Amino acid sequence: MLNYKYIVWLTAGCGRNIFQKGLILMLDKKVSELLNTQVNKEFYSAYLYMDFSNYYYEMGLDGFGNWYKVQYQEERDHAILMNQYLLNNGEHVTLDAVAKPDKIYAGVGDPMEFGLEHERYVTSLIHNIYSAANEVKDFRTMQFLDWFVKEQGEEEKNAEDLIKKFKLFGQDPKGLYMLDNELKARIYAAPSLVI
């Protein structure tokens, strides 16, 4: 069941003040909490991808570094979109400390594998929020999350494709060099979601 927050405002009418009640639609408490948690999870995702990017830049693989820097920018934008959605719905946003990425890389392919694992985790989080919104018939939040459901499908596919290319070409120094050059061409594009 959706909660409602009443506000009272003053209007003038017929030479006297009249109080009227208006409604601001609020999100279900559980949905709001899950979205707020997700804001922080998305910022963690951005940190994680910046860590991957730094790892690759330090190795001299600037294309891989660029690819994950673009990932960082996308995750940051996801956090900002969710933050704005909460604000647009009259919700308070609590920003927690962002945890330090704790992955240890033993080889060039490790961040890619960790990235795919992380995207699958984020997909499960988005599905949990969607399910909670569905339970309370919060169709507006479900519509908002539709974009993220689609986005997560793309994120997982991109991560899987990168791993496939690395496994096919990245073991050979010349192939790794060519793949790194290909990844340099990736550019950041702002999200298409308008809220």
N, C-alpha and C. Protein backbone atom coordinates (compact mmCIF):
# COMPACT_ATOMS: atom_id res chain seq x y z
N MET A 1 0.83 -1.17 0.00
CA MET A 1 0.00 0.00 0.00
C MET A 1 0.88 1.24 0.00
N LEU A 2 0.58 2.19 -0.86
CA LEU A 2 1.35 3.42 -0.91
C LEU A 2 1.00 4.33 0.25
N ASN A 3 2.00 5.01 0.75
CA ASN A 3 1.79 5.98 1.82
C ASN A 3 1.54 7.34 1.22
N TYR A 4 0.83 8.16 1.91
CA TYR A 4 0.57 9.51 1.45
C TYR A 4 1.03 10.49 2.52
N LYS A 5 1.57 11.59 2.08
CA LYS A 5 2.01 12.64 2.99
C LYS A 5 1.11 13.84 2.70
N TYR A 6 0.47 14.31 3.71
CA TYR A 6 -0.42 15.44 3.53
C TYR A 6 0.35 16.73 3.70
N ILE A 7 0.06 17.66 2.83
CA ILE A 7 0.57 19.00 3.01
C ILE A 7 -0.62 19.95 3.02
N VAL A 8 -0.47 21.01 3.74
CA VAL A 8 -1.54 22.00 3.81
C VAL A 8 -0.98 23.30 3.26
N TRP A 9 -1.69 23.89 2.40
CA TRP A 9 -1.24 25.17 1.90
C TRP A 9 -2.37 26.18 1.99
N LEU A 10 -2.00 27.41 1.94
CA LEU A 10 -2.93 28.52 2.12
C LEU A 10 -3.32 29.07 0.76
N THR A 11 -4.58 29.20 0.53
CA THR A 11 -5.04 29.84 -0.71
C THR A 11 -5.99 30.96 -0.36
N ALA A 12 -6.08 31.91 -1.22
CA ALA A 12 -7.00 33.04 -1.00
C ALA A 12 -8.26 32.80 -1.80
N GLY A 13 -9.37 33.10 -1.24
CA GLY A 13 -10.62 32.94 -1.96
C GLY A 13 -11.73 33.69 -1.26
N CYS A 14 -12.50 34.38 -2.01
CA CYS A 14 -13.66 35.11 -1.49
C CYS A 14 -13.27 36.07 -0.35
N GLY A 15 -12.10 36.71 -0.47
CA GLY A 15 -11.71 37.67 0.54
C GLY A 15 -11.26 37.06 1.86
N ARG A 16 -11.10 35.74 1.95
CA ARG A 16 -10.62 35.12 3.18
C ARG A 16 -9.68 33.99 2.86
N ASN A 17 -8.94 33.55 3.84
CA ASN A 17 -8.01 32.45 3.63
C ASN A 17 -8.73 31.12 3.81
N ILE A 18 -8.47 30.21 2.93
CA ILE A 18 -9.08 28.88 2.99
C ILE A 18 -7.95 27.84 3.03
N PHE A 19 -8.02 26.91 3.98
CA PHE A 19 -7.03 25.83 4.04
C PHE A 19 -7.54 24.66 3.20
N GLN A 20 -6.66 24.11 2.41
CA GLN A 20 -7.00 22.94 1.61
C GLN A 20 -5.96 21.86 1.85
N LYS A 21 -6.39 20.63 1.73
CA LYS A 21 -5.45 19.52 1.84
C LYS A 21 -5.09 19.05 0.44
N GLY A 22 -3.81 18.81 0.25
CA GLY A 22 -3.32 18.25 -1.00
C GLY A 22 -2.54 16.98 -0.69
N LEU A 23 -2.32 16.19 -1.69
CA LEU A 23 -1.60 14.94 -1.50
C LEU A 23 -0.30 14.95 -2.30
N ILE A 24 0.75 14.50 -1.67
CA ILE A 24 1.98 14.20 -2.40
C ILE A 24 2.16 12.70 -2.29
N LEU A 25 2.21 12.06 -3.42
CA LEU A 25 2.37 10.61 -3.45
C LEU A 25 3.76 10.23 -2.97
N MET A 26 3.83 9.36 -2.00
CA MET A 26 5.11 8.89 -1.47
C MET A 26 5.29 7.42 -1.84
N LEU A 27 6.51 7.01 -1.85
CA LEU A 27 6.81 5.62 -2.17
C LEU A 27 6.56 4.74 -0.96
N ASP A 28 6.27 3.48 -1.22
CA ASP A 28 6.19 2.49 -0.17
C ASP A 28 7.52 2.47 0.58
N LYS A 29 7.47 2.28 1.88
CA LYS A 29 8.68 2.35 2.71
C LYS A 29 9.75 1.37 2.24
N LYS A 30 9.37 0.13 1.99
CA LYS A 30 10.34 -0.88 1.55
C LYS A 30 10.95 -0.51 0.20
N VAL A 31 10.12 -0.07 -0.74
CA VAL A 31 10.60 0.33 -2.06
C VAL A 31 11.57 1.49 -1.94
N SER A 32 11.21 2.47 -1.12
CA SER A 32 12.07 3.63 -0.90
C SER A 32 13.42 3.21 -0.31
N GLU A 33 13.39 2.33 0.67
CA GLU A 33 14.64 1.87 1.30
C GLU A 33 15.51 1.11 0.31
N LEU A 34 14.88 0.26 -0.50
CA LEU A 34 15.65 -0.50 -1.49
C LEU A 34 16.28 0.42 -2.53
N LEU A 35 15.52 1.42 -2.98
CA LEU A 35 16.06 2.37 -3.95
C LEU A 35 17.20 3.17 -3.34
N ASN A 36 17.03 3.58 -2.09
CA ASN A 36 18.08 4.34 -1.41
C ASN A 36 19.35 3.49 -1.28
N THR A 37 19.18 2.24 -0.90
CA THR A 37 20.33 1.33 -0.82
C THR A 37 20.99 1.19 -2.19
N GLN A 38 20.16 1.13 -3.23
CA GLN A 38 20.69 0.97 -4.58
C GLN A 38 21.50 2.18 -5.02
N VAL A 39 21.09 3.37 -4.60
CA VAL A 39 21.90 4.57 -4.91
C VAL A 39 23.33 4.33 -4.45
N ASN A 40 23.46 3.86 -3.22
CA ASN A 40 24.78 3.62 -2.66
C ASN A 40 25.50 2.46 -3.34
N LYS A 41 24.76 1.44 -3.75
CA LYS A 41 25.35 0.30 -4.47
C LYS A 41 25.89 0.75 -5.84
N GLU A 42 25.16 1.66 -6.48
CA GLU A 42 25.60 2.17 -7.78
C GLU A 42 26.88 2.99 -7.63
N PHE A 43 26.97 3.78 -6.56
CA PHE A 43 28.21 4.52 -6.32
C PHE A 43 29.37 3.55 -6.05
N TYR A 44 29.09 2.45 -5.34
CA TYR A 44 30.13 1.43 -5.14
C TYR A 44 30.55 0.85 -6.49
N SER A 45 29.57 0.58 -7.35
CA SER A 45 29.89 0.05 -8.68
C SER A 45 30.82 1.00 -9.43
N ALA A 46 30.55 2.29 -9.32
CA ALA A 46 31.41 3.28 -9.96
C ALA A 46 32.83 3.19 -9.41
N TYR A 47 32.97 3.10 -8.08
CA TYR A 47 34.29 2.96 -7.46
C TYR A 47 34.99 1.70 -7.95
N LEU A 48 34.25 0.60 -8.02
CA LEU A 48 34.82 -0.67 -8.45
C LEU A 48 35.38 -0.55 -9.87
N TYR A 49 34.60 0.06 -10.76
CA TYR A 49 35.05 0.19 -12.14
C TYR A 49 36.19 1.19 -12.27
N MET A 50 36.22 2.21 -11.42
CA MET A 50 37.38 3.11 -11.44
C MET A 50 38.63 2.36 -10.98
N ASP A 51 38.46 1.45 -10.03
CA ASP A 51 39.59 0.64 -9.58
C ASP A 51 40.09 -0.25 -10.72
N PHE A 52 39.16 -0.86 -11.47
CA PHE A 52 39.55 -1.67 -12.63
C PHE A 52 40.30 -0.80 -13.63
N SER A 53 39.75 0.39 -13.89
CA SER A 53 40.36 1.31 -14.84
C SER A 53 41.78 1.66 -14.43
N ASN A 54 41.96 1.99 -13.16
CA ASN A 54 43.29 2.33 -12.67
C ASN A 54 44.26 1.17 -12.84
N TYR A 55 43.79 -0.03 -12.55
CA TYR A 55 44.62 -1.23 -12.69
C TYR A 55 45.15 -1.35 -14.13
N TYR A 56 44.24 -1.18 -15.09
CA TYR A 56 44.65 -1.33 -16.48
C TYR A 56 45.55 -0.19 -16.94
N TYR A 57 45.24 1.04 -16.53
CA TYR A 57 46.12 2.16 -16.90
C TYR A 57 47.53 1.94 -16.34
N GLU A 58 47.61 1.44 -15.11
CA GLU A 58 48.92 1.19 -14.50
C GLU A 58 49.69 0.10 -15.24
N MET A 59 48.97 -0.83 -15.88
CA MET A 59 49.61 -1.90 -16.66
C MET A 59 50.02 -1.43 -18.04
N GLY A 60 49.57 -0.26 -18.43
CA GLY A 60 49.84 0.24 -19.78
C GLY A 60 48.80 -0.18 -20.79
N LEU A 61 47.68 -0.72 -20.31
CA LEU A 61 46.57 -1.11 -21.19
C LEU A 61 45.52 0.00 -21.16
N ASP A 62 45.82 1.08 -21.88
CA ASP A 62 44.98 2.27 -21.84
C ASP A 62 43.58 2.04 -22.41
N GLY A 63 43.46 1.13 -23.37
CA GLY A 63 42.14 0.83 -23.93
C GLY A 63 41.23 0.17 -22.90
N PHE A 64 41.77 -0.80 -22.18
CA PHE A 64 41.01 -1.44 -21.10
C PHE A 64 40.69 -0.41 -20.01
N GLY A 65 41.68 0.44 -19.71
CA GLY A 65 41.46 1.50 -18.72
C GLY A 65 40.34 2.41 -19.14
N ASN A 66 40.32 2.77 -20.43
CA ASN A 66 39.25 3.61 -20.96
C ASN A 66 37.90 2.92 -20.87
N TRP A 67 37.87 1.64 -21.24
CA TRP A 67 36.60 0.90 -21.24
C TRP A 67 35.97 0.93 -19.84
N TYR A 68 36.79 0.72 -18.82
CA TYR A 68 36.25 0.71 -17.46
C TYR A 68 36.02 2.12 -16.91
N LYS A 69 36.70 3.12 -17.45
CA LYS A 69 36.40 4.50 -17.05
C LYS A 69 35.00 4.88 -17.55
N VAL A 70 34.66 4.43 -18.75
CA VAL A 70 33.31 4.67 -19.27
C VAL A 70 32.30 3.93 -18.39
N GLN A 71 32.63 2.71 -17.96
CA GLN A 71 31.76 1.97 -17.05
C GLN A 71 31.55 2.76 -15.75
N TYR A 72 32.62 3.32 -15.23
CA TYR A 72 32.54 4.16 -14.03
C TYR A 72 31.54 5.28 -14.23
N GLN A 73 31.62 5.98 -15.35
CA GLN A 73 30.73 7.10 -15.62
C GLN A 73 29.27 6.64 -15.70
N GLU A 74 29.05 5.50 -16.32
CA GLU A 74 27.68 4.97 -16.42
C GLU A 74 27.11 4.64 -15.04
N GLU A 75 27.90 3.99 -14.21
CA GLU A 75 27.42 3.62 -12.87
C GLU A 75 27.14 4.86 -12.01
N ARG A 76 27.99 5.84 -12.13
CA ARG A 76 27.77 7.11 -11.42
C ARG A 76 26.43 7.72 -11.85
N ASP A 77 26.17 7.68 -13.16
CA ASP A 77 24.91 8.22 -13.67
C ASP A 77 23.70 7.43 -13.16
N HIS A 78 23.85 6.12 -13.04
CA HIS A 78 22.76 5.30 -12.51
C HIS A 78 22.42 5.74 -11.08
N ALA A 79 23.45 5.98 -10.29
CA ALA A 79 23.23 6.44 -8.91
C ALA A 79 22.50 7.78 -8.90
N ILE A 80 22.92 8.68 -9.75
CA ILE A 80 22.31 10.01 -9.80
C ILE A 80 20.86 9.93 -10.26
N LEU A 81 20.56 9.06 -11.22
CA LEU A 81 19.17 8.90 -11.68
C LEU A 81 18.28 8.38 -10.55
N MET A 82 18.75 7.39 -9.82
CA MET A 82 17.96 6.85 -8.71
C MET A 82 17.80 7.89 -7.59
N ASN A 83 18.87 8.61 -7.33
CA ASN A 83 18.82 9.67 -6.33
C ASN A 83 17.75 10.70 -6.71
N GLN A 84 17.73 11.11 -7.98
CA GLN A 84 16.76 12.11 -8.43
C GLN A 84 15.34 11.55 -8.38
N TYR A 85 15.17 10.29 -8.72
CA TYR A 85 13.84 9.68 -8.66
C TYR A 85 13.30 9.72 -7.23
N LEU A 86 14.15 9.41 -6.28
CA LEU A 86 13.73 9.46 -4.87
C LEU A 86 13.35 10.89 -4.49
N LEU A 87 14.17 11.85 -4.86
CA LEU A 87 13.87 13.26 -4.55
C LEU A 87 12.58 13.72 -5.22
N ASN A 88 12.38 13.30 -6.46
CA ASN A 88 11.16 13.67 -7.19
C ASN A 88 9.90 13.11 -6.53
N ASN A 89 10.07 12.07 -5.74
CA ASN A 89 8.94 11.45 -5.06
C ASN A 89 8.89 11.83 -3.58
N GLY A 90 9.54 12.92 -3.21
CA GLY A 90 9.46 13.43 -1.85
C GLY A 90 10.19 12.61 -0.82
N GLU A 91 11.13 11.78 -1.26
CA GLU A 91 11.86 10.91 -0.34
C GLU A 91 13.19 11.52 0.06
N HIS A 92 13.60 11.23 1.27
CA HIS A 92 14.92 11.64 1.76
C HIS A 92 15.94 10.61 1.29
N VAL A 93 17.08 11.08 0.82
CA VAL A 93 18.14 10.19 0.37
C VAL A 93 19.27 10.21 1.39
N THR A 94 19.66 9.03 1.82
CA THR A 94 20.78 8.90 2.75
C THR A 94 21.97 8.34 1.99
N LEU A 95 23.03 9.14 1.92
CA LEU A 95 24.25 8.68 1.25
C LEU A 95 25.18 8.08 2.29
N ASP A 96 25.50 6.83 2.10
CA ASP A 96 26.42 6.14 3.00
C ASP A 96 27.85 6.28 2.48
N ALA A 97 28.79 5.92 3.33
CA ALA A 97 30.19 5.87 2.88
C ALA A 97 30.31 4.79 1.82
N VAL A 98 31.11 5.07 0.81
CA VAL A 98 31.31 4.11 -0.26
C VAL A 98 32.49 3.22 0.11
N ALA A 99 32.23 1.92 0.12
CA ALA A 99 33.28 0.96 0.51
C ALA A 99 34.41 0.94 -0.50
N LYS A 100 35.59 0.69 -0.02
CA LYS A 100 36.76 0.54 -0.88
C LYS A 100 36.65 -0.79 -1.62
N PRO A 101 36.88 -0.79 -2.94
CA PRO A 101 36.88 -2.07 -3.66
C PRO A 101 37.91 -3.02 -3.06
N ASP A 102 37.53 -4.28 -2.89
CA ASP A 102 38.38 -5.24 -2.19
C ASP A 102 38.91 -6.36 -3.08
N LYS A 103 38.81 -6.18 -4.38
CA LYS A 103 39.25 -7.23 -5.29
C LYS A 103 40.77 -7.21 -5.43
N ILE A 104 41.35 -8.40 -5.55
CA ILE A 104 42.78 -8.55 -5.78
C ILE A 104 42.94 -9.19 -7.16
N TYR A 105 43.76 -8.57 -7.98
CA TYR A 105 43.91 -9.00 -9.35
C TYR A 105 45.21 -9.79 -9.52
N ALA A 106 45.06 -11.04 -9.97
CA ALA A 106 46.22 -11.89 -10.20
C ALA A 106 46.63 -11.90 -11.67
N GLY A 107 45.74 -11.42 -12.52
CA GLY A 107 46.03 -11.43 -13.95
C GLY A 107 45.18 -10.45 -14.71
N VAL A 108 45.49 -10.26 -15.96
CA VAL A 108 44.81 -9.28 -16.82
C VAL A 108 43.31 -9.53 -16.91
N GLY A 109 42.89 -10.77 -16.90
CA GLY A 109 41.47 -11.09 -17.07
C GLY A 109 40.64 -10.97 -15.81
N ASP A 110 41.27 -10.86 -14.66
CA ASP A 110 40.52 -10.86 -13.39
C ASP A 110 39.47 -9.76 -13.29
N PRO A 111 39.80 -8.49 -13.57
CA PRO A 111 38.75 -7.47 -13.46
C PRO A 111 37.55 -7.75 -14.36
N MET A 112 37.77 -8.31 -15.52
CA MET A 112 36.65 -8.63 -16.41
C MET A 112 35.73 -9.66 -15.79
N GLU A 113 36.31 -10.70 -15.20
CA GLU A 113 35.51 -11.74 -14.53
C GLU A 113 34.77 -11.15 -13.33
N PHE A 114 35.47 -10.33 -12.55
CA PHE A 114 34.83 -9.68 -11.40
C PHE A 114 33.71 -8.75 -11.86
N GLY A 115 33.93 -8.09 -13.00
CA GLY A 115 32.92 -7.17 -13.54
C GLY A 115 31.64 -7.90 -13.91
N LEU A 116 31.77 -9.04 -14.57
CA LEU A 116 30.58 -9.82 -14.94
C LEU A 116 29.86 -10.31 -13.70
N GLU A 117 30.61 -10.81 -12.75
CA GLU A 117 30.02 -11.27 -11.48
C GLU A 117 29.27 -10.12 -10.80
N HIS A 118 29.86 -8.94 -10.82
CA HIS A 118 29.23 -7.78 -10.18
C HIS A 118 27.96 -7.36 -10.91
N GLU A 119 27.99 -7.38 -12.23
CA GLU A 119 26.79 -6.99 -13.00
C GLU A 119 25.64 -7.96 -12.73
N ARG A 120 25.95 -9.23 -12.60
CA ARG A 120 24.90 -10.20 -12.28
C ARG A 120 24.32 -9.93 -10.89
N TYR A 121 25.15 -9.54 -9.97
CA TYR A 121 24.70 -9.16 -8.62
C TYR A 121 23.80 -7.93 -8.68
N VAL A 122 24.21 -6.92 -9.43
CA VAL A 122 23.40 -5.70 -9.55
C VAL A 122 22.06 -6.02 -10.20
N THR A 123 22.07 -6.89 -11.20
CA THR A 123 20.80 -7.30 -11.83
C THR A 123 19.87 -7.90 -10.78
N SER A 124 20.39 -8.72 -9.89
CA SER A 124 19.54 -9.32 -8.85
C SER A 124 18.97 -8.24 -7.92
N LEU A 125 19.75 -7.21 -7.64
CA LEU A 125 19.27 -6.11 -6.79
C LEU A 125 18.14 -5.34 -7.47
N ILE A 126 18.32 -5.05 -8.75
CA ILE A 126 17.28 -4.33 -9.51
C ILE A 126 16.01 -5.17 -9.56
N HIS A 127 16.14 -6.47 -9.77
CA HIS A 127 14.97 -7.35 -9.80
C HIS A 127 14.26 -7.36 -8.44
N ASN A 128 15.02 -7.32 -7.35
CA ASN A 128 14.40 -7.28 -6.01
C ASN A 128 13.60 -6.01 -5.81
N ILE A 129 14.12 -4.88 -6.27
CA ILE A 129 13.37 -3.62 -6.14
C ILE A 129 12.12 -3.68 -7.00
N TYR A 130 12.26 -4.19 -8.20
CA TYR A 130 11.12 -4.31 -9.11
C TYR A 130 10.03 -5.18 -8.50
N SER A 131 10.44 -6.28 -7.91
CA SER A 131 9.50 -7.19 -7.27
C SER A 131 8.77 -6.51 -6.10
N ALA A 132 9.52 -5.75 -5.30
CA ALA A 132 8.90 -5.04 -4.17
C ALA A 132 7.90 -4.00 -4.67
N ALA A 133 8.24 -3.31 -5.75
CA ALA A 133 7.32 -2.31 -6.32
C ALA A 133 6.08 -3.00 -6.88
N ASN A 134 6.27 -4.14 -7.49
CA ASN A 134 5.15 -4.90 -8.04
C ASN A 134 4.19 -5.36 -6.94
N GLU A 135 4.75 -5.78 -5.81
CA GLU A 135 3.92 -6.25 -4.69
C GLU A 135 2.95 -5.19 -4.20
N VAL A 136 3.36 -3.92 -4.25
CA VAL A 136 2.50 -2.84 -3.76
C VAL A 136 1.84 -2.07 -4.91
N LYS A 137 1.92 -2.64 -6.11
CA LYS A 137 1.33 -2.05 -7.30
C LYS A 137 1.81 -0.62 -7.55
N ASP A 138 3.10 -0.43 -7.36
CA ASP A 138 3.74 0.86 -7.60
C ASP A 138 4.21 0.88 -9.05
N PHE A 139 3.25 1.14 -9.93
CA PHE A 139 3.51 1.05 -11.36
C PHE A 139 4.47 2.13 -11.85
N ARG A 140 4.46 3.28 -11.21
CA ARG A 140 5.37 4.35 -11.59
C ARG A 140 6.83 3.93 -11.35
N THR A 141 7.09 3.33 -10.20
CA THR A 141 8.46 2.86 -9.93
C THR A 141 8.82 1.71 -10.85
N MET A 142 7.87 0.83 -11.14
CA MET A 142 8.13 -0.26 -12.06
C MET A 142 8.51 0.29 -13.44
N GLN A 143 7.78 1.32 -13.88
CA GLN A 143 8.09 1.93 -15.17
C GLN A 143 9.49 2.55 -15.15
N PHE A 144 9.82 3.23 -14.06
CA PHE A 144 11.16 3.79 -13.90
C PHE A 144 12.22 2.69 -13.97
N LEU A 145 11.96 1.58 -13.30
CA LEU A 145 12.93 0.48 -13.25
C LEU A 145 13.03 -0.31 -14.56
N ASP A 146 12.02 -0.19 -15.43
CA ASP A 146 12.09 -0.88 -16.71
C ASP A 146 13.38 -0.54 -17.45
N TRP A 147 13.77 0.73 -17.40
CA TRP A 147 15.00 1.15 -18.07
C TRP A 147 16.21 0.44 -17.47
N PHE A 148 16.23 0.30 -16.13
CA PHE A 148 17.36 -0.35 -15.46
C PHE A 148 17.39 -1.85 -15.75
N VAL A 149 16.23 -2.47 -15.87
CA VAL A 149 16.18 -3.90 -16.21
C VAL A 149 16.82 -4.10 -17.59
N LYS A 150 16.43 -3.26 -18.54
CA LYS A 150 17.00 -3.34 -19.89
C LYS A 150 18.50 -3.03 -19.85
N GLU A 151 18.87 -2.00 -19.12
CA GLU A 151 20.26 -1.60 -18.99
C GLU A 151 21.13 -2.73 -18.43
N GLN A 152 20.60 -3.44 -17.43
CA GLN A 152 21.36 -4.54 -16.84
C GLN A 152 21.58 -5.67 -17.83
N GLY A 153 20.60 -5.91 -18.69
CA GLY A 153 20.79 -6.90 -19.75
C GLY A 153 21.95 -6.51 -20.65
N GLU A 154 22.02 -5.22 -20.99
CA GLU A 154 23.12 -4.72 -21.82
C GLU A 154 24.45 -4.79 -21.08
N GLU A 155 24.43 -4.46 -19.79
CA GLU A 155 25.66 -4.48 -19.00
C GLU A 155 26.24 -5.90 -18.92
N GLU A 156 25.37 -6.87 -18.68
CA GLU A 156 25.85 -8.26 -18.62
C GLU A 156 26.38 -8.72 -19.97
N LYS A 157 25.68 -8.37 -21.04
CA LYS A 157 26.12 -8.77 -22.39
C LYS A 157 27.47 -8.14 -22.72
N ASN A 158 27.63 -6.84 -22.41
CA ASN A 158 28.91 -6.18 -22.67
C ASN A 158 30.05 -6.83 -21.90
N ALA A 159 29.80 -7.18 -20.64
CA ALA A 159 30.82 -7.83 -19.82
C ALA A 159 31.16 -9.21 -20.37
N GLU A 160 30.14 -9.97 -20.78
CA GLU A 160 30.37 -11.29 -21.37
C GLU A 160 31.14 -11.19 -22.68
N ASP A 161 30.77 -10.22 -23.53
CA ASP A 161 31.45 -10.06 -24.81
C ASP A 161 32.92 -9.68 -24.63
N LEU A 162 33.20 -8.83 -23.65
CA LEU A 162 34.58 -8.44 -23.39
C LEU A 162 35.41 -9.66 -22.96
N ILE A 163 34.83 -10.49 -22.12
CA ILE A 163 35.54 -11.70 -21.67
C ILE A 163 35.79 -12.64 -22.86
N LYS A 164 34.78 -12.80 -23.72
CA LYS A 164 34.94 -13.67 -24.89
C LYS A 164 36.07 -13.16 -25.79
N LYS A 165 36.08 -11.85 -26.05
CA LYS A 165 37.13 -11.28 -26.90
C LYS A 165 38.50 -11.48 -26.25
N PHE A 166 38.56 -11.26 -24.95
CA PHE A 166 39.85 -11.43 -24.27
C PHE A 166 40.32 -12.88 -24.35
N LYS A 167 39.41 -13.82 -24.17
CA LYS A 167 39.79 -15.23 -24.23
C LYS A 167 40.20 -15.64 -25.64
N LEU A 168 39.57 -15.05 -26.65
CA LEU A 168 39.93 -15.38 -28.03
C LEU A 168 41.23 -14.73 -28.47
N PHE A 169 41.43 -13.45 -28.10
CA PHE A 169 42.55 -12.69 -28.65
C PHE A 169 43.58 -12.23 -27.62
N GLY A 170 43.16 -12.13 -26.37
CA GLY A 170 43.99 -11.48 -25.37
C GLY A 170 45.16 -12.27 -24.84
N GLN A 171 45.22 -13.57 -25.12
CA GLN A 171 46.33 -14.38 -24.63
C GLN A 171 47.59 -14.16 -25.45
N ASP A 172 47.41 -13.73 -26.67
CA ASP A 172 48.52 -13.45 -27.56
C ASP A 172 48.87 -11.96 -27.46
N PRO A 173 50.15 -11.59 -27.29
CA PRO A 173 50.51 -10.17 -27.13
C PRO A 173 50.01 -9.27 -28.26
N LYS A 174 50.10 -9.75 -29.50
CA LYS A 174 49.60 -8.94 -30.63
C LYS A 174 48.08 -8.79 -30.57
N GLY A 175 47.41 -9.89 -30.22
CA GLY A 175 45.95 -9.84 -30.09
C GLY A 175 45.54 -8.92 -28.96
N LEU A 176 46.26 -8.98 -27.85
CA LEU A 176 45.96 -8.11 -26.71
C LEU A 176 46.15 -6.65 -27.09
N TYR A 177 47.22 -6.38 -27.85
CA TYR A 177 47.49 -5.02 -28.31
C TYR A 177 46.34 -4.51 -29.19
N MET A 178 45.87 -5.35 -30.10
CA MET A 178 44.78 -4.94 -31.00
C MET A 178 43.47 -4.75 -30.23
N LEU A 179 43.20 -5.65 -29.29
CA LEU A 179 41.98 -5.52 -28.48
C LEU A 179 42.05 -4.25 -27.63
N ASP A 180 43.21 -3.98 -27.06
CA ASP A 180 43.38 -2.76 -26.27
C ASP A 180 43.11 -1.53 -27.12
N ASN A 181 43.60 -1.53 -28.36
CA ASN A 181 43.35 -0.40 -29.26
C ASN A 181 41.87 -0.27 -29.59
N GLU A 182 41.20 -1.39 -29.76
CA GLU A 182 39.75 -1.36 -30.03
C GLU A 182 39.00 -0.72 -28.86
N LEU A 183 39.39 -1.06 -27.65
CA LEU A 183 38.69 -0.57 -26.46
C LEU A 183 38.94 0.92 -26.20
N LYS A 184 39.99 1.47 -26.79
CA LYS A 184 40.26 2.91 -26.67
C LYS A 184 39.17 3.73 -27.35
N ALA A 185 38.48 3.13 -28.30
CA ALA A 185 37.48 3.86 -29.07
C ALA A 185 36.14 4.03 -28.33
N ARG A 186 35.96 3.32 -27.23
CA ARG A 186 34.68 3.43 -26.51
C ARG A 186 34.55 4.82 -25.92
N ILE A 187 33.38 5.43 -26.13
CA ILE A 187 33.14 6.76 -25.60
C ILE A 187 31.93 6.74 -24.68
N TYR A 188 31.94 7.66 -23.75
CA TYR A 188 30.85 7.80 -22.80
C TYR A 188 29.64 8.43 -23.49
N ALA A 189 28.46 7.89 -23.20
CA ALA A 189 27.19 8.46 -23.69
C ALA A 189 26.27 8.60 -22.48
N ALA A 190 25.69 9.77 -22.31
CA ALA A 190 24.78 10.01 -21.20
C ALA A 190 23.59 9.06 -21.31
N PRO A 191 23.01 8.69 -20.16
CA PRO A 191 21.87 7.76 -20.19
C PRO A 191 20.67 8.36 -20.92
N SER A 192 19.91 7.47 -21.53
CA SER A 192 18.73 7.89 -22.30
C SER A 192 17.50 8.08 -21.42
N LEU A 193 17.56 7.68 -20.18
CA LEU A 193 16.41 7.77 -19.28
C LEU A 193 16.17 9.22 -18.88
N VAL A 194 14.92 9.65 -19.02
CA VAL A 194 14.53 11.00 -18.58
C VAL A 194 13.53 10.82 -17.46
N ILE A 195 13.80 11.47 -16.31
CA ILE A 195 12.85 11.37 -15.19
C ILE A 195 12.27 12.71 -14.84
